[in-house]
Amino acid sequence: EIDPIGKKIDQFKKETKSNEPPIRAMGVDNLRDLIVPRANTSTANAISFSSVSLKPTKEHIARVVGLISENLLDDDPFVYLSCVRALASITSFHPDFMIRKLSESYVDPAADIDFRLRIGEVLMFVVRRCGELLPKYAKSFAGIFIQSASVRYPLQTRNVSNTDDKGRYIPDLKQDASFSNEIDEEYRLRFRSSSMSNLADTVSVAPWAAIENASDIVDLVKGVLVLERQNFPDTRRAAAFAIFKLLEGLDSMKDNAAINNIPGELKDILELLNNTVALDNDEVVVQHCLNALELVDSMMKKMLQPKQKKELKVSLFLDRL
């Protein structure tokens, strides 16, 4: 059976294997154009959309995504950024499939750290592009960043044989103690910090996701700022920044959303911020917390201001009597 799109994929795959970065980047763009209809798509690629029967199938989409993903680790910044943009563009047209695919790659403990970091760039590109249109997926985005930022050691170092019949990990205290001294610093400092920063940007763009995940976010940040106070400044800075962006997003919502929906978590945040300012020795962490405290103060003023205006009107009315 003739498969015109499949032939095009084979053709552009060869371009992505070229020794010349511009040709590799062009191959990535051509693969994207097979899936994403564009106003300026070349005539050569337009065959994909010349009729209903030639529209890309799920198999075509999966294959194209796989080929582009393979080039995410390209040494040339222009090529890998082309991959990031291409995957984000495909996500705009096939969000359900792509967000599930990207999320699975991002949390995959067996995947290369650099690959996961670049998948994170794609996810954040999607978050920023969606903006106000993000509600369907915001909670999912926040969830995977919380999950990734919560991991304090590389999961791939565990003995995979220590699992039950459902694939769940069975703790081995002796083994866990042995690899707790072999913590991968790159994993900790780069991936956890990146996940925390991605979480911060997500809740800033989609504050409603913060409300739904408020308890998990507070527990995560509290664990970092309290239990890791003397070490790992990059992760602590990212955690403090996450709290700041969380409050910034909530402060932008109407009707005192934070105070009305998460009063308990807000109280924990206030206590955490004050303790961190008093006890942390990192200037950047402290500054993020001070900025966050200013936002809490802004929220409280917004909550009290309508009441003050109402009391003023009553007072003026009574004065006229």
Protein backbone atom coordinates (compact mmCIF):
# COMPACT_ATOMS: atom_id res chain seq x y z
CA GLU A 1 0.00 0.00 0.00
CA ILE A 2 1.36 3.42 -0.99
CA ASP A 3 2.04 5.69 1.96
CA PRO A 4 3.02 9.19 0.75
CA ILE A 5 3.41 10.58 4.26
CA GLY A 6 5.54 7.59 5.29
CA LYS A 7 7.82 8.24 2.31
CA LYS A 8 8.10 11.89 3.30
CA ILE A 9 9.01 10.87 6.84
CA ASP A 10 11.77 8.61 5.48
CA GLN A 11 13.05 11.46 3.32
CA PHE A 12 13.14 13.99 6.16
CA LYS A 13 14.62 11.43 8.55
CA LYS A 14 17.72 11.39 6.34
CA GLU A 15 17.94 15.16 6.64
CA THR A 16 17.93 14.93 10.46
CA LYS A 17 20.98 12.61 10.21
CA SER A 18 23.01 15.08 8.14
CA ASN A 19 26.42 16.26 9.30
CA GLU A 20 25.34 19.86 8.70
CA PRO A 21 23.32 21.49 11.54
CA PRO A 22 21.20 23.67 9.20
CA ILE A 23 20.11 20.61 7.25
CA ARG A 24 19.30 18.74 10.46
CA ALA A 25 17.21 21.67 11.64
CA MET A 26 15.46 21.83 8.27
CA GLY A 27 14.69 18.11 8.55
CA VAL A 28 13.08 18.69 11.96
CA ASP A 29 10.98 21.56 10.58
CA ASN A 30 9.91 19.45 7.60
CA LEU A 31 8.84 16.61 9.89
CA ARG A 32 6.81 19.05 11.96
CA ASP A 33 5.11 20.42 8.84
CA LEU A 34 3.87 16.93 7.98
CA ILE A 35 1.84 16.96 11.20
CA VAL A 36 1.11 20.65 11.78
CA PRO A 37 -0.74 22.46 8.96
CA ARG A 38 0.97 25.77 8.34
CA ALA A 39 0.03 28.66 6.09
CA ASN A 40 3.55 28.77 4.66
CA THR A 41 4.02 25.02 4.23
CA SER A 42 5.97 24.31 1.08
CA THR A 43 4.29 22.71 -1.93
CA ALA A 44 6.47 19.64 -1.48
CA ASN A 45 5.06 19.06 2.00
CA ALA A 46 1.50 20.11 1.20
CA ILE A 47 0.77 16.66 -0.20
CA SER A 48 0.07 15.65 3.40
CA PHE A 49 -3.07 17.75 3.41
CA SER A 50 -4.20 17.55 -0.21
CA SER A 51 -7.06 15.25 0.78
CA VAL A 52 -8.67 13.69 3.83
CA SER A 53 -7.09 10.31 3.06
CA LEU A 54 -3.60 11.80 3.22
CA LYS A 55 -3.93 13.36 6.65
CA PRO A 56 -1.38 11.96 9.11
CA THR A 57 -2.48 8.97 11.15
CA LYS A 58 -1.67 8.31 14.80
CA GLU A 59 1.17 6.08 13.63
CA HIS A 60 2.60 8.91 11.52
CA ILE A 61 2.36 11.33 14.45
CA ALA A 62 4.05 8.87 16.84
CA ARG A 63 6.84 8.22 14.36
CA VAL A 64 7.46 11.91 13.70
CA VAL A 65 7.47 12.69 17.43
CA GLY A 66 9.95 9.87 18.00
CA LEU A 67 12.32 11.14 15.32
CA ILE A 68 12.18 14.72 16.54
CA SER A 69 12.70 13.57 20.14
CA GLU A 70 15.84 11.70 19.08
CA ASN A 71 17.33 15.04 18.04
CA LEU A 72 16.55 16.83 21.30
CA LEU A 73 20.05 15.98 22.51
CA ASP A 74 21.72 17.46 19.43
CA ASP A 75 24.88 19.37 20.35
CA ASP A 76 23.92 22.29 18.14
CA PRO A 77 21.62 24.73 20.00
CA PHE A 78 19.81 25.73 16.81
CA VAL A 79 18.88 22.12 16.07
CA TYR A 80 17.72 21.22 19.56
CA LEU A 81 15.71 24.45 19.90
CA SER A 82 14.06 23.60 16.57
CA CYS A 83 13.08 20.29 18.16
CA VAL A 84 11.65 22.05 21.22
CA ARG A 85 9.55 24.37 19.05
CA ALA A 86 8.46 21.52 16.76
CA LEU A 87 7.27 19.33 19.63
CA ALA A 88 5.44 22.28 21.20
CA SER A 89 3.73 23.02 17.87
CA ILE A 90 2.62 19.42 17.48
CA THR A 91 1.29 19.53 21.06
CA SER A 92 -0.92 22.48 20.13
CA PHE A 93 -2.70 20.32 17.52
CA HIS A 94 -2.64 16.99 19.35
CA PRO A 95 -2.64 17.93 23.06
CA ASP A 96 -4.04 14.74 24.59
CA PHE A 97 -1.53 12.45 22.89
CA MET A 98 1.45 14.78 23.20
CA ILE A 99 0.99 15.85 26.82
CA ARG A 100 0.70 12.22 27.86
CA LYS A 101 3.79 11.33 25.80
CA LEU A 102 5.86 14.26 27.07
CA SER A 103 4.81 13.68 30.68
CA GLU A 104 5.80 10.01 30.53
CA SER A 105 9.22 10.96 29.14
CA TYR A 106 9.74 13.67 31.74
CA VAL A 107 9.13 11.40 34.74
CA ASP A 108 10.89 8.36 33.26
CA PRO A 109 13.73 7.59 35.73
CA ALA A 110 15.61 5.54 33.16
CA ALA A 111 15.83 8.40 30.65
CA ASP A 112 18.92 10.58 30.26
CA ILE A 113 18.87 13.63 32.52
CA ASP A 114 19.62 16.07 29.71
CA PHE A 115 16.83 14.55 27.64
CA ARG A 116 14.38 15.00 30.50
CA LEU A 117 15.51 18.59 31.01
CA ARG A 118 14.83 19.36 27.37
CA ILE A 119 11.45 17.65 27.53
CA GLY A 120 10.83 20.03 30.43
CA GLU A 121 11.62 22.93 28.10
CA VAL A 122 8.99 21.64 25.68
CA LEU A 123 6.42 21.36 28.47
CA MET A 124 7.10 24.91 29.63
CA PHE A 125 6.91 26.17 26.05
CA VAL A 126 3.45 24.60 25.91
CA VAL A 127 2.44 26.07 29.29
CA ARG A 128 3.43 29.59 28.26
CA ARG A 129 1.80 29.25 24.86
CA CYS A 130 -1.48 28.00 26.34
CA GLY A 131 -1.70 30.73 28.96
CA GLU A 132 -5.34 31.31 29.85
CA LEU A 133 -6.36 28.24 27.81
CA LEU A 134 -4.54 25.86 30.14
CA PRO A 135 -7.20 24.77 32.68
CA LYS A 136 -7.72 21.27 31.24
CA TYR A 137 -4.07 20.33 31.63
CA ALA A 138 -2.78 22.66 34.36
CA LYS A 139 -3.28 20.18 37.20
CA SER A 140 -1.47 17.48 35.21
CA PHE A 141 1.50 19.78 34.53
CA ALA A 142 1.74 20.80 38.16
CA GLY A 143 1.49 17.15 39.23
CA ILE A 144 4.41 15.91 37.16
CA PHE A 145 6.64 18.79 38.29
CA ILE A 146 5.74 18.13 41.93
CA GLN A 147 6.49 14.44 41.45
CA SER A 148 9.86 15.10 39.81
CA ALA A 149 10.94 17.78 42.29
CA SER A 150 10.10 15.47 45.20
CA VAL A 151 12.68 12.85 44.23
CA ARG A 152 15.89 13.24 46.22
CA TYR A 153 17.94 10.50 44.58
CA PRO A 154 18.10 8.89 41.15
CA LEU A 155 15.46 6.18 40.93
CA GLN A 156 17.47 4.27 38.32
CA THR A 157 20.01 3.26 40.99
CA ARG A 158 17.46 1.04 42.68
CA ASN A 159 17.54 -2.71 42.14
CA VAL A 160 14.58 -3.27 39.80
CA SER A 161 14.22 -6.81 41.09
CA ASN A 162 12.92 -5.42 44.41
CA THR A 163 9.35 -5.13 43.15
CA ASP A 164 6.09 -6.95 43.80
CA ASP A 165 3.90 -8.60 41.18
CA LYS A 166 2.41 -5.21 40.28
CA GLY A 167 5.80 -3.60 39.69
CA ARG A 168 5.75 -1.51 42.87
CA TYR A 169 9.07 -0.95 44.61
CA ILE A 170 9.66 -2.93 47.82
CA PRO A 171 11.92 -0.96 50.21
CA ASP A 172 15.22 -2.59 51.04
CA LEU A 173 16.68 -0.70 53.99
CA LYS A 174 20.17 -2.12 53.53
CA GLN A 175 20.28 -1.33 49.83
CA ASP A 176 18.60 2.07 50.25
CA ALA A 177 21.19 3.02 52.86
CA SER A 178 24.00 2.05 50.50
CA PHE A 179 22.86 4.18 47.58
CA SER A 180 21.85 7.10 49.79
CA ASN A 181 25.60 7.81 49.97
CA GLU A 182 25.88 7.68 46.17
CA ILE A 183 23.54 10.56 45.40
CA ASP A 184 23.86 11.86 41.88
CA GLU A 185 24.63 15.56 42.36
CA GLU A 186 23.79 16.35 38.76
CA TYR A 187 20.38 14.77 39.18
CA ARG A 188 19.73 16.62 42.41
CA LEU A 189 20.96 20.05 41.41
CA ARG A 190 19.87 20.20 37.80
CA PHE A 191 16.74 18.14 37.45
CA ARG A 192 15.12 18.83 40.83
CA SER A 193 15.86 22.54 40.57
CA SER A 194 14.54 22.61 37.02
CA SER A 195 11.37 20.77 38.07
CA MET A 196 10.87 23.24 40.91
CA SER A 197 11.32 26.21 38.57
CA ASN A 198 8.92 24.67 36.06
CA LEU A 199 6.41 24.22 38.85
CA ALA A 200 6.85 27.88 39.81
CA ASP A 201 6.16 29.08 36.27
CA THR A 202 3.19 26.74 35.89
CA VAL A 203 1.39 27.92 39.03
CA SER A 204 2.12 31.52 38.09
CA VAL A 205 0.49 31.09 34.67
CA ALA A 206 -2.28 28.81 35.98
CA PRO A 207 -2.98 29.75 39.62
CA TRP A 208 -6.09 27.54 39.70
CA ALA A 209 -3.68 24.58 39.43
CA ALA A 210 -1.97 25.87 42.56
CA ILE A 211 -5.21 25.82 44.50
CA GLU A 212 -5.87 22.20 43.51
CA ASN A 213 -2.31 21.16 44.37
CA ALA A 214 -1.73 23.59 47.25
CA SER A 215 -1.15 20.99 49.96
CA ASP A 216 1.39 19.02 47.86
CA ILE A 217 3.22 22.18 46.83
CA VAL A 218 3.50 23.44 50.41
CA ASP A 219 4.71 20.03 51.65
CA LEU A 220 7.30 19.89 48.86
CA VAL A 221 8.67 23.37 49.47
CA LYS A 222 8.63 22.93 53.23
CA GLY A 223 10.65 19.72 52.90
CA VAL A 224 13.29 21.49 50.83
CA LEU A 225 13.54 24.71 52.85
CA VAL A 226 13.50 23.00 56.25
CA LEU A 227 15.27 19.67 55.72
CA GLU A 228 17.86 20.89 53.22
CA ARG A 229 18.62 24.22 54.84
CA GLN A 230 22.36 23.74 55.07
CA ASN A 231 22.90 22.21 51.63
CA PHE A 232 21.89 22.38 47.99
CA PRO A 233 21.34 26.14 47.54
CA ASP A 234 20.10 25.80 43.95
CA THR A 235 17.22 23.59 45.01
CA ARG A 236 16.35 25.83 47.97
CA ARG A 237 16.39 28.90 45.76
CA ALA A 238 14.06 27.19 43.30
CA ALA A 239 11.75 26.16 46.16
CA ALA A 240 11.60 29.71 47.55
CA PHE A 241 10.98 31.05 44.05
CA ALA A 242 8.17 28.50 43.64
CA ILE A 243 6.42 29.85 46.75
CA PHE A 244 6.84 33.41 45.45
CA LYS A 245 5.36 32.54 42.03
CA LEU A 246 2.59 30.53 43.70
CA LEU A 247 1.55 33.57 45.73
CA GLU A 248 1.98 35.87 42.73
CA GLY A 249 -0.44 33.74 40.74
CA LEU A 250 -2.93 33.54 43.59
CA ASP A 251 -2.70 37.29 44.17
CA SER A 252 -3.71 37.85 40.55
CA MET A 253 -6.98 35.94 41.05
CA LYS A 254 -10.19 37.69 41.95
CA ASP A 255 -12.27 37.51 45.12
CA ASN A 256 -9.36 36.70 47.47
CA ALA A 257 -9.15 33.20 46.01
CA ALA A 258 -6.16 32.13 48.09
CA ILE A 259 -7.60 33.22 51.43
CA ASN A 260 -11.01 31.76 50.65
CA ASN A 261 -9.84 28.44 49.18
CA ILE A 262 -6.60 27.51 50.95
CA PRO A 263 -6.56 29.34 54.31
CA GLY A 264 -4.77 26.44 56.04
CA GLU A 265 -2.02 26.21 53.46
CA LEU A 266 -1.64 30.00 53.45
CA LYS A 267 -1.05 29.92 57.20
CA ASP A 268 1.64 27.23 56.73
CA ILE A 269 3.24 29.29 53.96
CA LEU A 270 3.38 32.39 56.17
CA GLU A 271 5.04 30.45 59.01
CA LEU A 272 7.50 28.83 56.58
CA LEU A 273 8.45 32.15 55.01
CA ASN A 274 9.07 33.85 58.37
CA ASN A 275 11.17 30.93 59.64
CA THR A 276 13.20 30.81 56.42
CA VAL A 277 13.92 34.54 56.51
CA ALA A 278 15.10 34.19 60.11
CA LEU A 279 17.17 31.03 59.73
CA ASP A 280 18.38 30.57 56.15
CA ASN A 281 21.88 31.80 55.32
CA ASP A 282 21.40 32.15 51.56
CA GLU A 283 20.66 35.71 50.43
CA VAL A 284 18.78 34.65 47.31
CA VAL A 285 16.49 32.32 49.27
CA VAL A 286 15.81 35.03 51.83
CA GLN A 287 15.05 37.63 49.15
CA HIS A 288 12.55 35.31 47.43
CA CYS A 289 10.86 34.77 50.80
CA LEU A 290 10.74 38.50 51.52
CA ASN A 291 9.15 39.09 48.12
CA ALA A 292 6.63 36.37 48.94
CA LEU A 293 5.82 37.98 52.29
CA GLU A 294 5.05 41.24 50.49
CA LEU A 295 2.54 39.36 48.36
CA VAL A 296 0.91 37.88 51.47
CA ASP A 297 0.65 41.41 52.83
CA SER A 298 -0.95 42.52 49.55
CA MET A 299 -3.52 39.72 49.80
CA MET A 300 -4.44 40.67 53.33
CA LYS A 301 -4.89 44.32 52.36
CA LYS A 302 -7.15 43.35 49.47
CA MET A 303 -9.23 41.25 51.82
CA LEU A 304 -9.55 44.00 54.43
CA GLN A 305 -9.99 46.93 52.08
CA PRO A 306 -13.65 46.30 51.09
CA LYS A 307 -14.55 45.93 54.76
CA GLN A 308 -12.83 49.21 55.59
CA LYS A 309 -14.71 51.00 52.81
CA LYS A 310 -18.00 49.58 54.06
CA GLU A 311 -17.26 50.68 57.63
CA LEU A 312 -16.34 54.15 56.33
CA LYS A 313 -19.69 54.49 54.54
CA VAL A 314 -21.54 53.46 57.69
CA SER A 315 -19.52 55.95 59.76
CA LEU A 316 -20.29 58.81 57.32
CA PHE A 317 -23.97 57.91 57.37
CA LEU A 318 -24.07 57.91 61.17
CA ASP A 319 -22.27 61.26 61.27
CA ARG A 320 -25.08 62.81 59.24
CA LEU A 321 -27.73 61.72 61.73
